[in-house]
Amino acid sequence: MVGLLAGALSTNAGKKVTYKLHRSYGLSKTSLYEEAHFGTLKHARVAKIKRLSRKYLLAELELIEPLETSPGPAQFVMIWIPGIDYIPMSIADYNGSKITLFFSIRGEGTEALASSTGKVVGIIGPLGKVLAINTKSSHLLVAGGTGLAPIIRLAKELNELGLLTAVIWGTRGSKDVGEVPMYFKEVTGFELSVCTEDCSAGYCGKATDLISEILPKFKGNELVIAGPNDMLATAADLGIKAGTDPILILESTVECGLGVCGSCILGKTGLRLCRDGPAFRASEVMDYLVEHFVAKASKITNNP
C-alpha cells in the first residue's frame, strides 16, 4: 500500500507539506516515512454529495480499502484530493464501509470535494486522540457551524448509551438550517435544538446565549463544545464560571496530520491539535483561546 507521503508527493499540496517539514525540521524523506508509519493512505470513492442547506453539505465516501482502526469520538481524517489539496475533516458518521463528512465550502479543497461525486480520494486516519466518554455522567453537547460534525458522531454513541441530555447547534439563519436537523435525528435518533443569530428559526440568538441560560439546569452534566475557536472561548468561559471544566473540540490549521510540521501547535501550550487533541479540557487550552481569540469573543476572563 502506498504510504501517506508517497501518495501526497504527486500533488502540489503534498509537495508543500513535505517541503515545509524538510525546511522547518531538517527531516529526510526516510524520517518522514517513519513519522507517517501510523497513517497508510487508503482510497475511497465519493459516492454521494448532498446539500442539506444553503451552507452545509454531506459527503459520503465508500471505502475501497478498510481503515486500519475504527474511528472514535472526536477523531478526524486527512482527505487527499489528487492534484488539489490535503485537508483535515471531522467524521460525522462511520459504519465500517462508509465515512460521512459534514462540511461547508471554505476553500479550494472543500470546493473540489463538493464536486467530486464518483471520483476517488485518499484518506489518512483516523487521527487524533479518541474522546473518552464519561460513562458516569449525562452529556450536554453544543456545536457551532461545522463544529456539528464531530458532535453528530459523539451524540450517536451517547444516545445509544442513554447518556445524552441535549444537543444545541448554532448557525446564522434558517436558510443555513435546511435539512440539518432531520439528518441529525436520522443518524443519532435524537432531536437537535437549533439556534439562529437572525432569529429566523429555533432559539433567537447564538448557541452561547442559550448555554448561559440553561447551564444552571444541567449541573453535573459533562459539557462538550465544538465549533469556531472564538465561540469556544466564550462557551468555555461560561462553563468554567459555572463550575465545570468543559471538553472543547478545537479547530486549527492542520497541514500534515503527522504532528511534526508545527502548523497546529496551540500557542504557548505546546500542544499539537493533530496528536494531542482535537479534544481538550478547557483548563488545558483556556490561555491559548484567550490569547488568540479574545478580540473576537465577548467578555472573556482568564480564569484558573
Protein backbone atom coordinates (compact mmCIF):
# COMPACT_ATOMS: atom_id res chain seq x y z
CA MET A 1 0.00 0.00 0.00
CA VAL A 2 1.21 3.46 -0.84
CA GLY A 3 2.25 5.48 2.20
CA LEU A 4 0.93 8.92 3.01
CA LEU A 5 3.84 10.92 1.70
CA ALA A 6 4.46 8.66 -1.26
CA GLY A 7 0.93 9.38 -2.42
CA ALA A 8 0.96 13.02 -1.47
CA LEU A 9 4.25 13.72 -3.25
CA SER A 10 2.45 13.51 -6.58
CA THR A 11 0.33 16.54 -5.70
CA ASN A 12 1.18 20.19 -5.20
CA ALA A 13 -0.34 20.03 -1.73
CA GLY A 14 1.90 17.07 -0.85
CA LYS A 15 4.99 18.86 -2.13
CA LYS A 16 4.17 21.87 0.06
CA VAL A 17 3.73 19.69 3.15
CA THR A 18 6.97 17.79 2.51
CA TYR A 19 8.90 20.96 1.77
CA LYS A 20 7.68 22.61 4.95
CA LEU A 21 8.63 19.61 7.09
CA HIS A 22 12.04 19.33 5.50
CA ARG A 23 12.73 23.06 5.73
CA SER A 24 11.46 23.52 9.29
CA TYR A 25 12.76 20.35 10.91
CA GLY A 26 15.52 19.12 8.63
CA LEU A 27 13.70 15.82 8.21
CA SER A 28 14.77 13.47 5.43
CA LYS A 29 12.27 11.55 3.35
CA THR A 30 13.19 8.46 5.36
CA SER A 31 12.35 10.14 8.67
CA LEU A 32 9.13 11.45 7.17
CA TYR A 33 8.10 7.89 6.32
CA GLU A 34 8.98 6.86 9.87
CA GLU A 35 6.74 9.62 11.26
CA ALA A 36 3.99 8.54 8.87
CA HIS A 37 4.06 4.83 9.64
CA PHE A 38 0.78 5.08 11.52
CA GLY A 39 -1.01 6.65 8.56
CA THR A 40 -1.29 4.49 5.45
CA LEU A 41 -3.08 6.06 2.53
CA LYS A 42 -6.41 4.38 1.92
CA HIS A 43 -8.70 5.05 -1.01
CA ALA A 44 -12.39 5.87 -1.11
CA ARG A 45 -14.91 6.70 -3.78
CA VAL A 46 -17.08 9.77 -3.30
CA ALA A 47 -20.44 8.01 -3.58
CA LYS A 48 -22.68 10.96 -2.84
CA ILE A 49 -22.65 14.68 -2.19
CA LYS A 50 -25.84 16.03 -0.67
CA ARG A 51 -26.61 19.67 0.06
CA LEU A 52 -28.52 19.89 3.34
CA SER A 53 -28.91 23.67 3.23
CA ARG A 54 -27.56 26.77 1.58
CA LYS A 55 -24.32 26.38 3.54
CA TYR A 56 -23.89 22.78 4.71
CA LEU A 57 -23.20 19.60 2.73
CA LEU A 58 -22.66 15.89 3.28
CA ALA A 59 -20.05 13.79 1.53
CA GLU A 60 -20.47 10.01 1.67
CA LEU A 61 -17.21 8.18 0.98
CA GLU A 62 -17.30 4.47 0.23
CA LEU A 63 -14.05 2.88 1.41
CA ILE A 64 -12.20 0.91 -1.23
CA GLU A 65 -9.86 -0.37 1.48
CA PRO A 66 -10.84 -0.50 5.16
CA LEU A 67 -9.34 1.88 7.66
CA GLU A 68 -6.67 0.39 9.91
CA THR A 69 -8.81 1.08 13.00
CA SER A 70 -12.36 2.24 13.59
CA PRO A 71 -12.53 5.97 14.38
CA GLY A 72 -13.66 7.01 17.84
CA PRO A 73 -15.41 10.18 19.01
CA ALA A 74 -13.64 13.44 18.02
CA GLN A 75 -11.12 11.77 15.73
CA PHE A 76 -10.63 13.09 12.20
CA VAL A 77 -9.17 12.12 8.84
CA MET A 78 -6.97 13.85 6.30
CA ILE A 79 -8.56 13.85 2.86
CA TRP A 80 -6.23 13.90 -0.15
CA ILE A 81 -7.87 15.31 -3.27
CA PRO A 82 -5.37 14.42 -6.01
CA GLY A 83 -3.76 17.44 -7.59
CA ILE A 84 -5.72 19.91 -5.46
CA ASP A 85 -5.40 19.74 -1.67
CA TYR A 86 -4.86 17.74 1.50
CA ILE A 87 -7.37 18.77 4.18
CA PRO A 88 -8.46 17.73 7.69
CA MET A 89 -12.10 16.68 8.05
CA SER A 90 -14.09 15.64 11.12
CA ILE A 91 -16.01 12.37 10.92
CA ALA A 92 -19.77 12.78 11.21
CA ASP A 93 -20.61 9.10 10.79
CA TYR A 94 -18.90 5.77 10.10
CA ASN A 95 -20.28 2.27 9.55
CA GLY A 96 -17.21 0.21 8.63
CA SER A 97 -17.51 0.64 4.88
CA LYS A 98 -18.55 4.27 4.61
CA ILE A 99 -17.42 7.58 6.12
CA THR A 100 -19.74 10.59 6.14
CA LEU A 101 -18.37 14.14 6.31
CA PHE A 102 -20.43 17.22 7.26
CA PHE A 103 -18.86 20.38 5.88
CA SER A 104 -19.18 23.78 4.25
CA ILE A 105 -17.18 25.18 1.36
CA ARG A 106 -14.29 27.17 2.81
CA GLY A 107 -11.55 26.92 0.23
CA GLU A 108 -10.14 25.11 -2.77
CA GLY A 109 -10.13 21.71 -1.09
CA THR A 110 -13.73 21.68 0.15
CA GLU A 111 -14.91 23.25 -3.10
CA ALA A 112 -13.28 20.41 -5.03
CA LEU A 113 -14.73 17.82 -2.64
CA ALA A 114 -18.22 19.24 -3.21
CA SER A 115 -17.95 18.45 -6.92
CA SER A 116 -16.16 15.08 -6.61
CA THR A 117 -19.05 12.64 -6.94
CA GLY A 118 -17.76 9.41 -8.44
CA LYS A 119 -14.10 10.33 -8.00
CA VAL A 120 -11.50 8.57 -5.85
CA VAL A 121 -9.83 10.39 -2.97
CA GLY A 122 -7.19 9.39 -0.43
CA ILE A 123 -7.82 9.06 3.29
CA ILE A 124 -5.36 9.03 6.18
CA GLY A 125 -6.72 8.21 9.59
CA PRO A 126 -8.30 8.06 11.97
CA LEU A 127 -6.08 10.74 13.53
CA GLY A 128 -6.05 12.47 16.88
CA LYS A 129 -6.98 11.06 20.25
CA VAL A 130 -10.31 9.42 20.95
CA LEU A 131 -12.53 11.43 23.27
CA ALA A 132 -13.04 9.11 26.24
CA ILE A 133 -16.70 9.04 27.23
CA ASN A 134 -17.53 9.64 30.88
CA THR A 135 -19.99 6.82 31.50
CA LYS A 136 -20.86 8.18 34.95
CA SER A 137 -22.41 11.38 33.64
CA SER A 138 -25.04 12.62 31.22
CA HIS A 139 -23.82 14.97 28.49
CA LEU A 140 -24.82 18.36 27.14
CA LEU A 141 -23.41 18.85 23.63
CA VAL A 142 -23.03 22.23 21.93
CA ALA A 143 -21.88 22.97 18.38
CA GLY A 144 -21.45 25.98 16.16
CA GLY A 145 -21.43 25.76 12.35
CA THR A 146 -19.42 22.81 11.01
CA GLY A 147 -18.46 22.03 14.59
CA LEU A 148 -21.58 19.87 14.42
CA ALA A 149 -19.61 17.20 12.51
CA PRO A 150 -17.80 15.58 15.48
CA ILE A 151 -20.85 16.20 17.68
CA ILE A 152 -23.02 14.04 15.38
CA ARG A 153 -20.69 11.08 15.87
CA LEU A 154 -20.48 11.63 19.62
CA ALA A 155 -24.24 12.15 20.04
CA LYS A 156 -24.98 8.88 18.26
CA GLU A 157 -22.80 6.94 20.70
CA LEU A 158 -24.03 8.80 23.78
CA ASN A 159 -27.68 8.31 22.86
CA GLU A 160 -27.12 4.58 22.44
CA LEU A 161 -25.65 4.56 25.96
CA GLY A 162 -28.50 6.63 27.39
CA LEU A 163 -26.11 9.42 28.37
CA LEU A 164 -27.38 12.30 26.23
CA THR A 165 -29.31 15.20 27.76
CA ALA A 166 -29.46 17.80 24.97
CA VAL A 167 -27.70 18.87 21.76
CA ILE A 168 -27.55 22.54 20.80
CA TRP A 169 -26.44 23.79 17.38
CA GLY A 170 -25.99 27.40 16.35
CA THR A 171 -25.81 28.87 12.84
CA ARG A 172 -26.59 32.15 11.07
CA GLY A 173 -30.18 31.70 9.89
CA SER A 174 -32.95 29.40 8.68
CA LYS A 175 -31.50 29.16 5.16
CA ASP A 176 -28.44 27.56 6.72
CA VAL A 177 -30.54 25.16 8.80
CA GLY A 178 -32.38 23.40 5.97
CA GLU A 179 -32.42 19.61 6.41
CA VAL A 180 -29.62 19.52 9.00
CA PRO A 181 -31.92 18.71 11.98
CA MET A 182 -33.57 15.89 10.01
CA TYR A 183 -30.21 14.39 9.11
CA PHE A 184 -29.04 14.70 12.70
CA LYS A 185 -32.08 12.82 14.03
CA GLU A 186 -31.79 10.18 11.30
CA VAL A 187 -28.21 9.38 12.35
CA THR A 188 -28.40 9.86 16.12
CA GLY A 189 -32.05 9.20 16.97
CA PHE A 190 -32.04 12.44 18.96
CA GLU A 191 -33.58 15.89 18.47
CA LEU A 192 -31.30 18.81 17.59
CA SER A 193 -32.04 22.14 19.28
CA VAL A 194 -31.34 24.91 16.75
CA CYS A 195 -30.24 28.48 17.46
CA THR A 196 -30.11 31.16 14.76
CA GLU A 197 -28.41 34.51 15.05
CA ASP A 198 -31.02 36.24 12.87
CA CYS A 199 -33.86 34.70 14.92
CA SER A 200 -35.41 33.11 11.81
CA ALA A 201 -35.56 29.57 13.27
CA GLY A 202 -35.40 27.93 16.67
CA TYR A 203 -33.93 29.84 19.60
CA CYS A 204 -33.29 33.51 18.90
CA GLY A 205 -29.59 34.10 19.46
CA LYS A 206 -26.24 32.37 19.47
CA ALA A 207 -25.62 28.92 20.89
CA THR A 208 -23.54 30.56 23.62
CA ASP A 209 -26.56 32.69 24.61
CA LEU A 210 -28.61 29.55 25.15
CA ILE A 211 -25.77 27.91 27.07
CA SER A 212 -25.72 30.79 29.54
CA GLU A 213 -29.46 30.32 30.15
CA ILE A 214 -29.58 26.56 30.59
CA LEU A 215 -26.28 25.66 32.26
CA PRO A 216 -27.72 26.06 35.79
CA LYS A 217 -30.36 23.43 34.91
CA PHE A 218 -27.76 20.89 33.84
CA LYS A 219 -25.31 20.90 36.72
CA GLY A 220 -23.39 17.64 36.84
CA ASN A 221 -23.61 17.12 33.07
CA GLU A 222 -20.44 16.75 31.04
CA LEU A 223 -20.31 19.75 28.72
CA VAL A 224 -18.78 19.15 25.27
CA ILE A 225 -18.43 22.02 22.80
CA ALA A 226 -17.24 22.10 19.18
CA GLY A 227 -17.05 25.00 16.76
CA PRO A 228 -15.08 28.10 15.84
CA ASN A 229 -12.43 28.91 18.41
CA ASP A 230 -13.87 32.32 19.27
CA MET A 231 -17.14 30.58 20.15
CA LEU A 232 -15.23 28.01 22.21
CA ALA A 233 -13.55 30.81 24.13
CA THR A 234 -16.92 32.27 25.12
CA ALA A 235 -18.54 28.90 25.86
CA ALA A 236 -15.55 27.67 27.87
CA ASP A 237 -15.59 30.80 29.98
CA LEU A 238 -19.30 30.28 30.72
CA GLY A 239 -18.65 26.67 31.68
CA ILE A 240 -15.73 27.48 33.94
CA LYS A 241 -17.73 30.19 35.71
CA ALA A 242 -20.49 27.61 36.24
CA GLY A 243 -18.00 25.33 37.97
CA THR A 244 -17.33 22.88 35.13
CA ASP A 245 -14.27 22.12 33.02
CA PRO A 246 -15.82 21.69 29.57
CA ILE A 247 -14.39 19.47 26.85
CA LEU A 248 -13.57 21.55 23.77
CA ILE A 249 -13.11 20.11 20.28
CA LEU A 250 -10.85 22.71 18.71
CA GLU A 251 -10.32 23.88 15.15
CA SER A 252 -6.87 24.66 13.80
CA THR A 253 -4.81 24.64 10.63
CA VAL A 254 -3.53 21.08 10.09
CA GLU A 255 -1.06 20.77 7.25
CA CYS A 256 0.49 17.34 7.74
CA GLY A 257 -1.56 15.39 10.27
CA LEU A 258 1.70 13.80 11.48
CA GLY A 259 2.41 16.04 14.45
CA VAL A 260 5.74 17.29 13.11
CA CYS A 261 5.10 20.34 10.91
CA GLY A 262 4.05 22.59 13.80
CA SER A 263 1.09 24.15 11.99
CA CYS A 264 -1.42 23.04 14.62
CA ILE A 265 0.55 23.86 17.79
CA LEU A 266 -1.76 25.67 20.20
CA GLY A 267 0.35 28.67 21.13
CA LYS A 268 2.42 28.53 24.29
CA THR A 269 0.75 25.33 25.48
CA GLY A 270 2.93 23.36 23.06
CA LEU A 271 0.01 21.00 22.46
CA ARG A 272 -0.50 19.72 18.92
CA LEU A 273 -4.09 19.50 17.82
CA CYS A 274 -3.45 16.57 15.47
CA ARG A 275 -1.69 14.35 18.04
CA ASP A 276 -2.76 15.66 21.48
CA GLY A 277 -6.32 16.59 20.51
CA PRO A 278 -8.54 17.71 18.95
CA ALA A 279 -10.48 17.40 22.22
CA PHE A 280 -9.06 19.15 25.29
CA ARG A 281 -10.30 20.21 28.69
CA ALA A 282 -10.89 23.96 28.81
CA SER A 283 -8.35 24.24 31.62
CA GLU A 284 -5.66 22.94 29.25
CA VAL A 285 -6.24 25.46 26.46
CA MET A 286 -8.02 28.46 28.01
CA ASP A 287 -4.87 30.60 27.99
CA TYR A 288 -4.44 29.84 24.27
CA LEU A 289 -8.06 30.71 23.49
CA VAL A 290 -7.93 33.95 25.45
CA GLU A 291 -4.62 34.99 23.88
CA HIS A 292 -5.64 34.26 20.29
CA PHE A 293 -9.39 34.78 20.20
CA VAL A 294 -10.21 37.31 22.92
CA ALA A 295 -10.58 40.00 20.25
CA LYS A 296 -13.46 38.04 18.71
CA ALA A 297 -15.06 36.63 21.83
CA SER A 298 -17.08 38.76 24.22
CA LYS A 299 -16.37 39.28 27.91
CA ILE A 300 -13.76 36.58 28.32
CA THR A 301 -11.77 36.44 31.51
CA ASN A 302 -8.79 34.18 32.06
CA ASN A 303 -9.98 32.07 34.97
CA PRO A 304 -7.66 29.49 36.53
